[in-house]
Each structure stands twice: as structure tokens, then as C-alpha cells.
């Protein structure tokens, strides 16, 4: 099995541009506030399948190919 795989990097984004991690606490506190948030893709990142972690401390890549190049390097 390949240890590092490429996945979409996603964040919660509010209608005013604020963002929140999908791995932290829920960013809204009411149903009215929830309607202001949506899940958006912001690029591509690497998932460590052995540790079940995402991103390995790097900002998301703009393209899937860039993320794949890192995954290939880490897997070699």
C-alpha cells in the first residue's frame, strides 16, 4: 500500500471570506450562522495513510500534479 496519497484540500468558508479548518471545532454556533458557511476546495494536499494525517505541515498545492510529485518523492 502507498503511504502518501493525494487528496483535495478543503476548508469551511463563510460568505464574508473568513475560513476555518475542517479538522477543528465547528465554525458556526447557530442554524442561521450555519447557512453562511460552505465547504470549498482550496487546492491539493498529501495524506499520510499510516498516521491518518493531512497536509504534512505544508500549504496546499495549486495543482494535483504538484501534490502528486511530492507524494511520489515521499513514497520513493
Protein backbone atom coordinates (compact mmCIF):
# COMPACT_ATOMS: atom_id res chain seq x y z
CA UNK A 1 0.00 0.00 0.00
CA UNK A 2 1.19 3.52 -0.80
CA UNK A 3 1.82 5.54 2.33
CA UNK A 4 1.29 9.03 0.86
CA UNK A 5 -1.71 9.78 -1.35
CA UNK A 6 -3.03 12.97 -2.92
CA UNK A 7 -6.36 14.41 -1.73
CA UNK A 8 -8.26 17.66 -2.18
CA UNK A 9 -7.57 20.27 0.48
CA UNK A 10 -10.82 21.73 1.82
CA UNK A 11 -11.80 24.46 4.27
CA UNK A 12 -15.00 25.91 5.62
CA UNK A 13 -15.55 29.34 4.04
CA UNK A 14 -18.04 31.96 5.22
CA UNK A 15 -19.78 34.37 2.86
CA UNK A 16 -17.55 37.22 4.11
CA UNK A 17 -14.37 35.32 3.21
CA UNK A 18 -13.40 34.02 6.65
CA UNK A 19 -12.14 30.44 6.69
CA UNK A 20 -11.90 27.64 9.24
CA UNK A 21 -10.26 24.24 9.23
CA UNK A 22 -12.48 21.24 8.59
CA UNK A 23 -10.48 19.43 11.31
CA UNK A 24 -11.18 21.85 14.16
CA UNK A 25 -14.29 22.86 16.05
CA UNK A 26 -17.50 23.61 14.19
CA UNK A 27 -17.22 27.22 12.92
CA UNK A 28 -20.89 28.16 13.42
CA UNK A 29 -22.92 28.50 16.61
CA UNK A 30 -26.49 28.54 15.27
CA UNK A 31 -28.55 27.32 12.32
CA UNK A 32 -28.69 30.87 10.97
CA UNK A 33 -24.89 31.10 11.12
CA UNK A 34 -24.51 27.62 9.55
CA UNK A 35 -26.21 28.86 6.39
CA UNK A 36 -23.34 31.33 5.88
CA UNK A 37 -20.69 28.56 5.67
CA UNK A 38 -19.82 26.22 2.82
CA UNK A 39 -17.16 23.59 2.26
CA UNK A 40 -14.77 24.65 -0.53
CA UNK A 41 -11.74 23.09 -2.19
CA UNK A 42 -8.61 25.25 -1.92
CA UNK A 43 -6.08 23.01 -3.65
CA UNK A 44 -4.41 19.64 -3.23
CA UNK A 45 -2.51 18.13 -0.33
CA UNK A 46 -0.88 14.90 0.77
CA UNK A 47 -2.41 12.41 3.20
CA UNK A 48 -0.20 10.13 5.29
CA UNK A 49 -2.23 6.91 5.30
CA UNK A 50 -0.10 5.34 8.05
CA UNK A 51 -0.79 8.15 10.53
CA UNK A 52 -4.11 9.34 9.01
CA UNK A 53 -2.87 12.95 8.88
CA UNK A 54 -3.29 15.57 6.18
CA UNK A 55 -1.01 18.29 4.85
CA UNK A 56 2.28 17.31 6.50
CA UNK A 57 2.85 20.94 7.52
CA UNK A 58 2.69 22.44 4.03
CA UNK A 59 0.27 24.83 2.38
CA UNK A 60 -1.97 23.21 -0.24
CA UNK A 61 -0.61 22.90 -3.76
CA UNK A 62 -2.43 24.67 -6.58
CA UNK A 63 -2.46 21.60 -8.80
CA UNK A 64 -2.93 17.89 -8.29
CA UNK A 65 0.26 17.27 -10.27
CA UNK A 66 2.35 19.31 -7.81
CA UNK A 67 0.93 17.37 -4.87
CA UNK A 68 1.50 14.10 -6.71
CA UNK A 69 5.15 15.00 -7.27
CA UNK A 70 5.61 15.40 -3.51
CA UNK A 71 3.74 12.16 -2.78
CA UNK A 72 5.91 10.31 -5.30
CA UNK A 73 9.07 11.73 -3.71
CA UNK A 74 7.92 10.76 -0.20
CA UNK A 75 6.91 7.29 -1.34
CA UNK A 76 10.25 6.57 -3.02
